[in-house]
All heavy atoms as atom14 arrays in JSON, in Angstrom:
{
  "sequence": "VWTGNKKENGNIVLYKNQKAPNGTEGFFRLTFYDISEKGYKWIGEW",
  "atom14_mask": [
    [1, 1, 1, 1, 1, 1, 1, 0, 0, 0, 0, 0, 0, 0],
    [1, 1, 1, 1, 1, 1, 1, 1, 1, 1, 1, 1, 1, 1],
    [1, 1, 1, 1, 1, 1, 1, 0, 0, 0, 0, 0, 0, 0],
    [1, 1, 1, 1, 0, 0, 0, 0, 0, 0, 0, 0, 0, 0],
    [1, 1, 1, 1, 1, 1, 1, 1, 0, 0, 0, 0, 0, 0],
    [1, 1, 1, 1, 1, 1, 1, 1, 1, 0, 0, 0, 0, 0],
    [1, 1, 1, 1, 1, 1, 1, 1, 1, 0, 0, 0, 0, 0],
    [1, 1, 1, 1, 1, 1, 1, 1, 1, 0, 0, 0, 0, 0],
    [1, 1, 1, 1, 1, 1, 1, 1, 0, 0, 0, 0, 0, 0],
    [1, 1, 1, 1, 0, 0, 0, 0, 0, 0, 0, 0, 0, 0],
    [1, 1, 1, 1, 1, 1, 1, 1, 0, 0, 0, 0, 0, 0],
    [1, 1, 1, 1, 1, 1, 1, 1, 0, 0, 0, 0, 0, 0],
    [1, 1, 1, 1, 1, 1, 1, 0, 0, 0, 0, 0, 0, 0],
    [1, 1, 1, 1, 1, 1, 1, 1, 0, 0, 0, 0, 0, 0],
    [1, 1, 1, 1, 1, 1, 1, 1, 1, 1, 1, 1, 0, 0],
    [1, 1, 1, 1, 1, 1, 1, 1, 1, 0, 0, 0, 0, 0],
    [1, 1, 1, 1, 1, 1, 1, 1, 0, 0, 0, 0, 0, 0],
    [1, 1, 1, 1, 1, 1, 1, 1, 1, 0, 0, 0, 0, 0],
    [1, 1, 1, 1, 1, 1, 1, 1, 1, 0, 0, 0, 0, 0],
    [1, 1, 1, 1, 1, 0, 0, 0, 0, 0, 0, 0, 0, 0],
    [1, 1, 1, 1, 1, 1, 1, 0, 0, 0, 0, 0, 0, 0],
    [1, 1, 1, 1, 1, 1, 1, 1, 0, 0, 0, 0, 0, 0],
    [1, 1, 1, 1, 0, 0, 0, 0, 0, 0, 0, 0, 0, 0],
    [1, 1, 1, 1, 1, 1, 1, 0, 0, 0, 0, 0, 0, 0],
    [1, 1, 1, 1, 1, 1, 1, 1, 1, 0, 0, 0, 0, 0],
    [1, 1, 1, 1, 0, 0, 0, 0, 0, 0, 0, 0, 0, 0],
    [1, 1, 1, 1, 1, 1, 1, 1, 1, 1, 1, 0, 0, 0],
    [1, 1, 1, 1, 1, 1, 1, 1, 1, 1, 1, 0, 0, 0],
    [1, 1, 1, 1, 1, 1, 1, 1, 1, 1, 1, 0, 0, 0],
    [1, 1, 1, 1, 1, 1, 1, 1, 0, 0, 0, 0, 0, 0],
    [1, 1, 1, 1, 1, 1, 1, 0, 0, 0, 0, 0, 0, 0],
    [1, 1, 1, 1, 1, 1, 1, 1, 1, 1, 1, 0, 0, 0],
    [1, 1, 1, 1, 1, 1, 1, 1, 1, 1, 1, 1, 0, 0],
    [1, 1, 1, 1, 1, 1, 1, 1, 0, 0, 0, 0, 0, 0],
    [1, 1, 1, 1, 1, 1, 1, 1, 0, 0, 0, 0, 0, 0],
    [1, 1, 1, 1, 1, 1, 0, 0, 0, 0, 0, 0, 0, 0],
    [1, 1, 1, 1, 1, 1, 1, 1, 1, 0, 0, 0, 0, 0],
    [1, 1, 1, 1, 1, 1, 1, 1, 1, 0, 0, 0, 0, 0],
    [1, 1, 1, 1, 0, 0, 0, 0, 0, 0, 0, 0, 0, 0],
    [1, 1, 1, 1, 1, 1, 1, 1, 1, 1, 1, 1, 0, 0],
    [1, 1, 1, 1, 1, 1, 1, 1, 1, 0, 0, 0, 0, 0],
    [1, 1, 1, 1, 1, 1, 1, 1, 1, 1, 1, 1, 1, 1],
    [1, 1, 1, 1, 1, 1, 1, 1, 0, 0, 0, 0, 0, 0],
    [1, 1, 1, 1, 0, 0, 0, 0, 0, 0, 0, 0, 0, 0],
    [1, 1, 1, 1, 1, 1, 1, 1, 1, 0, 0, 0, 0, 0],
    [1, 1, 1, 1, 1, 1, 1, 1, 1, 1, 1, 1, 1, 1]
  ],
  "atom14_positions": [
    [[2.28, 4.8, -13.71], [3.32, 4.55, -14.89], [4.24, 3.52, -14.5], [4.87, 3.58, -13.53], [4.06, 5.71, -15.32], [4.97, 5.49, -16.47], [3.03, 6.92, -15.76], [0.0, 0.0, 0.0], [0.0, 0.0, 0.0], [0.0, 0.0, 0.0], [0.0, 0.0, 0.0], [0.0, 0.0, 0.0], [0.0, 0.0, 0.0], [0.0, 0.0, 0.0]],
    [[4.39, 2.44, -15.45], [5.48, 1.52, -15.28], [6.42, 1.64, -16.42], [6.03, 2.15, -17.47], [4.8, 0.07, -15.44], [4.26, -0.47, -14.21], [4.81, -1.36, -13.3], [2.95, -0.2, -13.6], [4.09, -1.65, -12.22], [2.8, -0.97, -12.42], [1.89, 0.51, -13.99], [1.66, -1.0, -11.63], [0.78, 0.55, -13.2], [0.66, -0.15, -12.07]],
    [[7.69, 1.26, -16.09], [8.71, 1.36, -17.17], [9.41, 0.08, -17.25], [9.61, -0.64, -16.28], [9.65, 2.5, -16.87], [10.35, 2.29, -15.65], [9.03, 3.89, -16.97], [0.0, 0.0, 0.0], [0.0, 0.0, 0.0], [0.0, 0.0, 0.0], [0.0, 0.0, 0.0], [0.0, 0.0, 0.0], [0.0, 0.0, 0.0], [0.0, 0.0, 0.0]],
    [[10.0, -0.24, -18.42], [10.72, -1.5, -18.53], [10.97, -1.72, -20.01], [10.77, -1.07, -20.91], [0.0, 0.0, 0.0], [0.0, 0.0, 0.0], [0.0, 0.0, 0.0], [0.0, 0.0, 0.0], [0.0, 0.0, 0.0], [0.0, 0.0, 0.0], [0.0, 0.0, 0.0], [0.0, 0.0, 0.0], [0.0, 0.0, 0.0], [0.0, 0.0, 0.0]],
    [[11.37, -3.06, -20.18], [11.78, -3.6, -21.52], [11.43, -5.11, -21.71], [11.28, -5.75, -20.75], [13.26, -3.37, -21.76], [13.51, -1.98, -22.2], [13.04, -1.47, -23.1], [14.35, -1.27, -21.37], [0.0, 0.0, 0.0], [0.0, 0.0, 0.0], [0.0, 0.0, 0.0], [0.0, 0.0, 0.0], [0.0, 0.0, 0.0], [0.0, 0.0, 0.0]],
    [[11.62, -5.51, -22.94], [11.58, -6.95, -23.26], [12.97, -7.44, -23.05], [13.92, -6.88, -23.44], [11.17, -7.15, -24.74], [10.93, -8.56, -25.08], [10.36, -8.77, -26.52], [9.96, -10.13, -26.85], [9.45, -10.25, -28.13], [0.0, 0.0, 0.0], [0.0, 0.0, 0.0], [0.0, 0.0, 0.0], [0.0, 0.0, 0.0], [0.0, 0.0, 0.0]],
    [[13.05, -8.64, -22.38], [14.37, -9.27, -21.99], [14.68, -10.25, -23.04], [13.99, -10.65, -23.96], [14.24, -9.99, -20.61], [13.73, -8.99, -19.5], [14.7, -7.88, -19.2], [14.3, -7.03, -18.1], [15.1, -5.89, -17.87], [0.0, 0.0, 0.0], [0.0, 0.0, 0.0], [0.0, 0.0, 0.0], [0.0, 0.0, 0.0], [0.0, 0.0, 0.0]],
    [[15.96, -10.69, -23.02], [16.5, -11.66, -23.96], [15.8, -12.98, -23.98], [15.6, -13.69, -25.01], [18.06, -11.98, -23.67], [18.91, -10.83, -24.01], [20.35, -11.19, -23.87], [20.71, -12.36, -23.81], [21.14, -10.2, -23.69], [0.0, 0.0, 0.0], [0.0, 0.0, 0.0], [0.0, 0.0, 0.0], [0.0, 0.0, 0.0], [0.0, 0.0, 0.0]],
    [[15.19, -13.33, -22.83], [14.34, -14.53, -22.79], [12.96, -14.4, -23.36], [12.19, -15.31, -23.28], [14.36, -15.03, -21.32], [13.54, -14.21, -20.46], [13.12, -13.16, -20.69], [13.63, -14.6, -19.07], [0.0, 0.0, 0.0], [0.0, 0.0, 0.0], [0.0, 0.0, 0.0], [0.0, 0.0, 0.0], [0.0, 0.0, 0.0], [0.0, 0.0, 0.0]],
    [[12.68, -13.26, -23.86], [11.28, -13.12, -24.35], [10.27, -12.41, -23.32], [9.25, -12.06, -23.79], [0.0, 0.0, 0.0], [0.0, 0.0, 0.0], [0.0, 0.0, 0.0], [0.0, 0.0, 0.0], [0.0, 0.0, 0.0], [0.0, 0.0, 0.0], [0.0, 0.0, 0.0], [0.0, 0.0, 0.0], [0.0, 0.0, 0.0], [0.0, 0.0, 0.0]],
    [[10.54, -12.45, -22.11], [9.66, -11.82, -21.16], [9.7, -10.41, -21.23], [10.77, -9.74, -21.48], [10.12, -12.25, -19.74], [9.95, -13.73, -19.34], [9.42, -14.43, -20.16], [10.5, -14.17, -18.29], [0.0, 0.0, 0.0], [0.0, 0.0, 0.0], [0.0, 0.0, 0.0], [0.0, 0.0, 0.0], [0.0, 0.0, 0.0], [0.0, 0.0, 0.0]],
    [[8.57, -9.72, -21.02], [8.48, -8.31, -20.83], [8.29, -7.9, -19.41], [7.42, -8.42, -18.74], [7.23, -7.76, -21.81], [7.45, -8.12, -23.16], [7.07, -6.2, -21.57], [6.24, -7.89, -24.09], [0.0, 0.0, 0.0], [0.0, 0.0, 0.0], [0.0, 0.0, 0.0], [0.0, 0.0, 0.0], [0.0, 0.0, 0.0], [0.0, 0.0, 0.0]],
    [[9.24, -7.12, -18.88], [9.18, -6.84, -17.43], [9.19, -5.34, -17.25], [9.93, -4.61, -17.83], [10.54, -7.42, -16.83], [10.54, -7.17, -15.27], [10.68, -8.98, -17.07], [0.0, 0.0, 0.0], [0.0, 0.0, 0.0], [0.0, 0.0, 0.0], [0.0, 0.0, 0.0], [0.0, 0.0, 0.0], [0.0, 0.0, 0.0], [0.0, 0.0, 0.0]],
    [[8.26, -4.94, -16.49], [7.93, -3.56, -16.19], [7.97, -3.26, -14.6], [7.61, -4.19, -13.89], [6.72, -3.13, -16.72], [6.36, -3.45, -18.27], [4.97, -3.41, -18.55], [7.11, -2.59, -19.09], [0.0, 0.0, 0.0], [0.0, 0.0, 0.0], [0.0, 0.0, 0.0], [0.0, 0.0, 0.0], [0.0, 0.0, 0.0], [0.0, 0.0, 0.0]],
    [[8.4, -2.03, -14.35], [8.47, -1.72, -12.87], [7.86, -0.32, -12.47], [7.88, 0.54, -13.32], [10.01, -1.56, -12.38], [10.82, -2.76, -12.54], [11.46, -3.11, -13.77], [11.04, -3.72, -11.52], [12.22, -4.3, -13.93], [11.75, -4.82, -11.6], [12.35, -5.14, -12.83], [13.15, -6.25, -12.93], [0.0, 0.0, 0.0], [0.0, 0.0, 0.0]],
    [[7.37, -0.27, -11.21], [7.02, 0.93, -10.74], [7.39, 1.02, -9.16], [7.3, 0.05, -8.52], [5.46, 1.14, -10.77], [4.9, 2.4, -10.22], [3.45, 2.46, -10.26], [2.78, 1.68, -9.04], [1.42, 2.04, -8.73], [0.0, 0.0, 0.0], [0.0, 0.0, 0.0], [0.0, 0.0, 0.0], [0.0, 0.0, 0.0], [0.0, 0.0, 0.0]],
    [[8.03, 2.08, -8.78], [8.41, 2.15, -7.39], [7.21, 2.05, -6.53], [6.24, 2.61, -6.73], [9.17, 3.5, -7.08], [10.57, 3.63, -7.58], [11.23, 2.57, -7.66], [10.96, 4.75, -8.17], [0.0, 0.0, 0.0], [0.0, 0.0, 0.0], [0.0, 0.0, 0.0], [0.0, 0.0, 0.0], [0.0, 0.0, 0.0], [0.0, 0.0, 0.0]],
    [[7.37, 1.21, -5.57], [6.25, 1.04, -4.49], [6.82, 0.49, -3.14], [7.44, -0.59, -3.27], [5.18, 0.04, -5.03], [4.01, -0.05, -4.29], [2.85, -0.9, -4.88], [2.61, -0.65, -6.12], [2.23, -1.87, -4.25], [0.0, 0.0, 0.0], [0.0, 0.0, 0.0], [0.0, 0.0, 0.0], [0.0, 0.0, 0.0], [0.0, 0.0, 0.0]],
    [[6.39, 1.17, -2.11], [6.84, 0.57, -0.75], [5.88, -0.47, -0.42], [4.66, -0.57, -0.74], [6.68, 1.74, 0.29], [7.71, 2.69, 0.04], [7.63, 3.81, 1.16], [8.67, 4.8, 0.97], [8.61, 5.83, 2.03], [0.0, 0.0, 0.0], [0.0, 0.0, 0.0], [0.0, 0.0, 0.0], [0.0, 0.0, 0.0], [0.0, 0.0, 0.0]],
    [[6.41, -1.53, 0.42], [5.64, -2.52, 0.95], [4.82, -1.95, 2.1], [5.07, -0.76, 2.6], [6.56, -3.57, 1.55], [0.0, 0.0, 0.0], [0.0, 0.0, 0.0], [0.0, 0.0, 0.0], [0.0, 0.0, 0.0], [0.0, 0.0, 0.0], [0.0, 0.0, 0.0], [0.0, 0.0, 0.0], [0.0, 0.0, 0.0], [0.0, 0.0, 0.0]],
    [[3.76, -2.63, 2.58], [2.99, -2.09, 3.6], [3.81, -1.75, 4.9], [3.37, -0.85, 5.71], [1.92, -3.18, 3.93], [1.8, -3.96, 2.63], [3.17, -3.86, 2.04], [0.0, 0.0, 0.0], [0.0, 0.0, 0.0], [0.0, 0.0, 0.0], [0.0, 0.0, 0.0], [0.0, 0.0, 0.0], [0.0, 0.0, 0.0], [0.0, 0.0, 0.0]],
    [[4.86, -2.37, 5.11], [5.68, -2.04, 6.37], [6.72, -0.96, 6.0], [7.53, -0.67, 6.91], [6.45, -3.25, 6.85], [7.49, -3.84, 5.73], [7.77, -3.12, 4.78], [8.16, -4.91, 6.08], [0.0, 0.0, 0.0], [0.0, 0.0, 0.0], [0.0, 0.0, 0.0], [0.0, 0.0, 0.0], [0.0, 0.0, 0.0], [0.0, 0.0, 0.0]],
    [[6.65, -0.34, 4.88], [7.51, 0.78, 4.54], [8.78, 0.49, 3.78], [9.59, 1.31, 3.42], [0.0, 0.0, 0.0], [0.0, 0.0, 0.0], [0.0, 0.0, 0.0], [0.0, 0.0, 0.0], [0.0, 0.0, 0.0], [0.0, 0.0, 0.0], [0.0, 0.0, 0.0], [0.0, 0.0, 0.0], [0.0, 0.0, 0.0], [0.0, 0.0, 0.0]],
    [[8.99, -0.75, 3.51], [10.22, -1.19, 2.86], [10.18, -0.71, 1.36], [9.22, -0.85, 0.81], [10.32, -2.75, 2.91], [10.41, -3.24, 4.18], [11.57, -3.2, 2.09], [0.0, 0.0, 0.0], [0.0, 0.0, 0.0], [0.0, 0.0, 0.0], [0.0, 0.0, 0.0], [0.0, 0.0, 0.0], [0.0, 0.0, 0.0], [0.0, 0.0, 0.0]],
    [[11.32, -0.08, 0.98], [11.37, 0.33, -0.38], [11.41, -0.85, -1.37], [11.94, -1.85, -1.06], [12.67, 1.18, -0.63], [12.71, 2.46, 0.14], [11.76, 3.52, -0.4], [11.44, 3.43, -1.64], [11.36, 4.38, 0.43], [0.0, 0.0, 0.0], [0.0, 0.0, 0.0], [0.0, 0.0, 0.0], [0.0, 0.0, 0.0], [0.0, 0.0, 0.0]],
    [[10.72, -0.69, -2.48], [10.73, -1.73, -3.43], [9.98, -1.33, -4.74], [9.81, -0.1, -4.93], [0.0, 0.0, 0.0], [0.0, 0.0, 0.0], [0.0, 0.0, 0.0], [0.0, 0.0, 0.0], [0.0, 0.0, 0.0], [0.0, 0.0, 0.0], [0.0, 0.0, 0.0], [0.0, 0.0, 0.0], [0.0, 0.0, 0.0], [0.0, 0.0, 0.0]],
    [[9.6, -2.28, -5.59], [8.9, -2.14, -6.78], [7.67, -2.95, -6.84], [7.58, -4.08, -6.14], [9.86, -2.67, -7.98], [11.15, -2.07, -8.11], [12.31, -2.82, -7.74], [11.22, -0.75, -8.57], [13.6, -2.28, -7.99], [12.57, -0.26, -8.63], [13.64, -0.93, -8.38], [0.0, 0.0, 0.0], [0.0, 0.0, 0.0], [0.0, 0.0, 0.0]],
    [[6.68, -2.58, -7.66], [5.66, -3.58, -8.09], [6.18, -3.95, -9.5], [6.36, -3.06, -10.34], [4.28, -2.91, -8.16], [3.19, -4.02, -8.21], [3.01, -4.74, -7.15], [2.51, -4.14, -9.36], [2.09, -5.78, -7.23], [1.52, -5.1, -9.47], [1.27, -5.93, -8.37], [0.0, 0.0, 0.0], [0.0, 0.0, 0.0], [0.0, 0.0, 0.0]],
    [[6.42, -5.12, -9.73], [6.98, -5.74, -11.0], [6.0, -6.44, -11.73], [5.29, -7.32, -11.08], [8.2, -6.56, -10.63], [8.76, -7.2, -11.87], [10.07, -8.03, -11.46], [9.69, -9.31, -10.79], [10.49, -10.04, -10.14], [11.79, -9.76, -10.1], [10.05, -11.11, -9.5], [0.0, 0.0, 0.0], [0.0, 0.0, 0.0], [0.0, 0.0, 0.0]],
    [[5.82, -6.13, -12.99], [4.76, -6.81, -13.9], [5.66, -7.61, -14.94], [6.55, -7.01, -15.53], [3.99, -5.85, -14.62], [3.22, -4.74, -13.75], [2.41, -3.83, -14.71], [2.34, -5.48, -12.71], [0.0, 0.0, 0.0], [0.0, 0.0, 0.0], [0.0, 0.0, 0.0], [0.0, 0.0, 0.0], [0.0, 0.0, 0.0], [0.0, 0.0, 0.0]],
    [[5.34, -8.93, -15.16], [5.97, -9.72, -16.04], [5.06, -10.45, -16.87], [4.28, -11.13, -16.45], [7.0, -10.77, -15.25], [7.78, -10.12, -14.44], [7.79, -11.63, -16.22], [0.0, 0.0, 0.0], [0.0, 0.0, 0.0], [0.0, 0.0, 0.0], [0.0, 0.0, 0.0], [0.0, 0.0, 0.0], [0.0, 0.0, 0.0], [0.0, 0.0, 0.0]],
    [[5.27, -10.33, -18.28], [4.55, -11.17, -19.26], [5.55, -12.31, -19.56], [6.72, -12.05, -19.86], [4.28, -10.35, -20.51], [3.28, -9.34, -20.31], [3.58, -8.02, -20.03], [1.83, -9.62, -20.61], [2.57, -7.11, -19.87], [0.82, -8.65, -20.4], [1.26, -7.4, -20.0], [0.0, 0.0, 0.0], [0.0, 0.0, 0.0], [0.0, 0.0, 0.0]],
    [[5.17, -13.54, -19.57], [6.03, -14.67, -19.89], [5.29, -15.76, -20.53], [3.97, -15.74, -20.61], [6.8, -15.16, -18.64], [5.77, -15.63, -17.53], [5.66, -16.98, -17.27], [4.93, -14.86, -16.68], [4.84, -17.49, -16.27], [4.2, -15.31, -15.76], [4.06, -16.67, -15.56], [3.25, -17.18, -14.53], [0.0, 0.0, 0.0], [0.0, 0.0, 0.0]],
    [[5.98, -16.88, -20.89], [5.35, -17.97, -21.63], [4.53, -17.51, -22.79], [3.4, -17.99, -22.99], [4.5, -18.82, -20.69], [5.27, -19.71, -19.78], [6.53, -19.8, -19.92], [4.82, -20.37, -18.92], [0.0, 0.0, 0.0], [0.0, 0.0, 0.0], [0.0, 0.0, 0.0], [0.0, 0.0, 0.0], [0.0, 0.0, 0.0], [0.0, 0.0, 0.0]],
    [[5.03, -16.52, -23.51], [4.39, -15.9, -24.66], [4.45, -16.74, -25.8], [5.59, -17.14, -26.25], [4.93, -14.56, -24.89], [4.79, -13.57, -23.69], [4.21, -13.87, -26.12], [5.56, -12.31, -23.72], [0.0, 0.0, 0.0], [0.0, 0.0, 0.0], [0.0, 0.0, 0.0], [0.0, 0.0, 0.0], [0.0, 0.0, 0.0], [0.0, 0.0, 0.0]],
    [[3.42, -17.2, -26.46], [3.42, -17.97, -27.71], [2.11, -17.72, -28.39], [1.29, -16.92, -28.0], [3.53, -19.43, -27.37], [2.23, -19.93, -26.79], [0.0, 0.0, 0.0], [0.0, 0.0, 0.0], [0.0, 0.0, 0.0], [0.0, 0.0, 0.0], [0.0, 0.0, 0.0], [0.0, 0.0, 0.0], [0.0, 0.0, 0.0], [0.0, 0.0, 0.0]],
    [[1.94, -18.35, -29.58], [0.71, -18.25, -30.38], [-0.45, -18.78, -29.71], [-1.62, -18.51, -29.98], [0.84, -18.84, -31.74], [1.08, -20.37, -31.78], [2.51, -20.73, -31.52], [3.49, -20.05, -31.51], [2.75, -21.99, -31.28], [0.0, 0.0, 0.0], [0.0, 0.0, 0.0], [0.0, 0.0, 0.0], [0.0, 0.0, 0.0], [0.0, 0.0, 0.0]],
    [[-0.19, -19.68, -28.63], [-1.39, -20.2, -27.82], [-1.85, -19.32, -26.76], [-2.96, -19.58, -26.21], [-0.97, -21.5, -27.33], [-0.66, -22.63, -28.41], [-0.23, -23.89, -27.77], [0.1, -24.89, -28.8], [0.58, -26.12, -28.26], [0.0, 0.0, 0.0], [0.0, 0.0, 0.0], [0.0, 0.0, 0.0], [0.0, 0.0, 0.0], [0.0, 0.0, 0.0]],
    [[-1.09, -18.21, -26.33], [-1.45, -17.42, -25.27], [-0.21, -16.85, -24.54], [0.94, -16.94, -25.0], [0.0, 0.0, 0.0], [0.0, 0.0, 0.0], [0.0, 0.0, 0.0], [0.0, 0.0, 0.0], [0.0, 0.0, 0.0], [0.0, 0.0, 0.0], [0.0, 0.0, 0.0], [0.0, 0.0, 0.0], [0.0, 0.0, 0.0], [0.0, 0.0, 0.0]],
    [[-0.48, -16.59, -23.26], [0.54, -16.03, -22.43], [0.16, -15.97, -20.92], [-1.0, -16.2, -20.65], [1.04, -14.6, -22.93], [-0.12, -13.67, -23.05], [-0.54, -12.82, -21.88], [-0.86, -13.55, -24.16], [-1.58, -11.99, -21.94], [-2.04, -12.66, -24.2], [-2.37, -11.89, -23.16], [-3.4, -11.08, -23.27], [0.0, 0.0, 0.0], [0.0, 0.0, 0.0]],
    [[1.13, -15.68, -20.1], [0.92, -15.48, -18.65], [1.37, -14.16, -18.23], [2.47, -13.58, -18.82], [1.48, -16.71, -17.87], [0.97, -18.0, -18.18], [1.52, -19.12, -17.38], [0.86, -20.45, -17.78], [1.62, -21.57, -17.19], [0.0, 0.0, 0.0], [0.0, 0.0, 0.0], [0.0, 0.0, 0.0], [0.0, 0.0, 0.0], [0.0, 0.0, 0.0]],
    [[0.9, -13.71, -17.15], [1.25, -12.47, -16.56], [1.27, -12.51, -15.11], [0.44, -13.27, -14.46], [0.27, -11.38, -17.03], [0.39, -10.04, -16.57], [1.0, -8.98, -17.09], [-0.1, -9.46, -15.22], [0.92, -7.89, -16.3], [0.23, -8.16, -15.09], [-0.79, -10.01, -14.18], [-0.06, -7.33, -14.04], [-1.17, -9.21, -13.12], [-0.75, -7.94, -13.1]],
    [[2.25, -11.85, -14.39], [2.28, -11.9, -12.92], [2.57, -10.53, -12.39], [3.48, -9.93, -12.95], [3.21, -12.87, -12.33], [2.96, -13.22, -10.86], [4.66, -12.75, -12.67], [3.43, -14.48, -10.35], [0.0, 0.0, 0.0], [0.0, 0.0, 0.0], [0.0, 0.0, 0.0], [0.0, 0.0, 0.0], [0.0, 0.0, 0.0], [0.0, 0.0, 0.0]],
    [[1.88, -10.07, -11.42], [2.25, -8.72, -10.62], [2.75, -9.21, -9.32], [2.19, -9.94, -8.55], [0.0, 0.0, 0.0], [0.0, 0.0, 0.0], [0.0, 0.0, 0.0], [0.0, 0.0, 0.0], [0.0, 0.0, 0.0], [0.0, 0.0, 0.0], [0.0, 0.0, 0.0], [0.0, 0.0, 0.0], [0.0, 0.0, 0.0], [0.0, 0.0, 0.0]],
    [[4.06, -8.63, -8.96], [4.69, -8.98, -7.7], [5.33, -7.86, -7.06], [5.91, -6.88, -7.79], [5.9, -10.05, -8.03], [5.39, -11.26, -8.83], [6.56, -12.01, -9.33], [7.31, -11.3, -10.31], [6.79, -13.08, -9.05], [0.0, 0.0, 0.0], [0.0, 0.0, 0.0], [0.0, 0.0, 0.0], [0.0, 0.0, 0.0], [0.0, 0.0, 0.0]],
    [[5.35, -7.81, -5.7], [6.05, -6.79, -5.02], [7.47, -7.32, -4.82], [7.57, -8.55, -4.51], [5.35, -6.39, -3.65], [6.23, -5.24, -2.97], [6.12, -3.9, -3.2], [7.42, -5.54, -2.12], [7.12, -3.32, -2.48], [7.95, -4.29, -1.88], [7.97, -6.59, -1.52], [9.02, -4.12, -1.04], [9.13, -6.46, -0.71], [9.64, -5.13, -0.45]]
  ]
}
């Protein structure tokens, strides 16, 4: 389960708690951006 919202800039950003391989606390963040009638982009990042 990811949770989040649409931001003022139009990006949709979602988070899930996830530790890095070395044990560092963090998130796996999903972002939809460059959204237009032509398409969109998405990125998953720790």
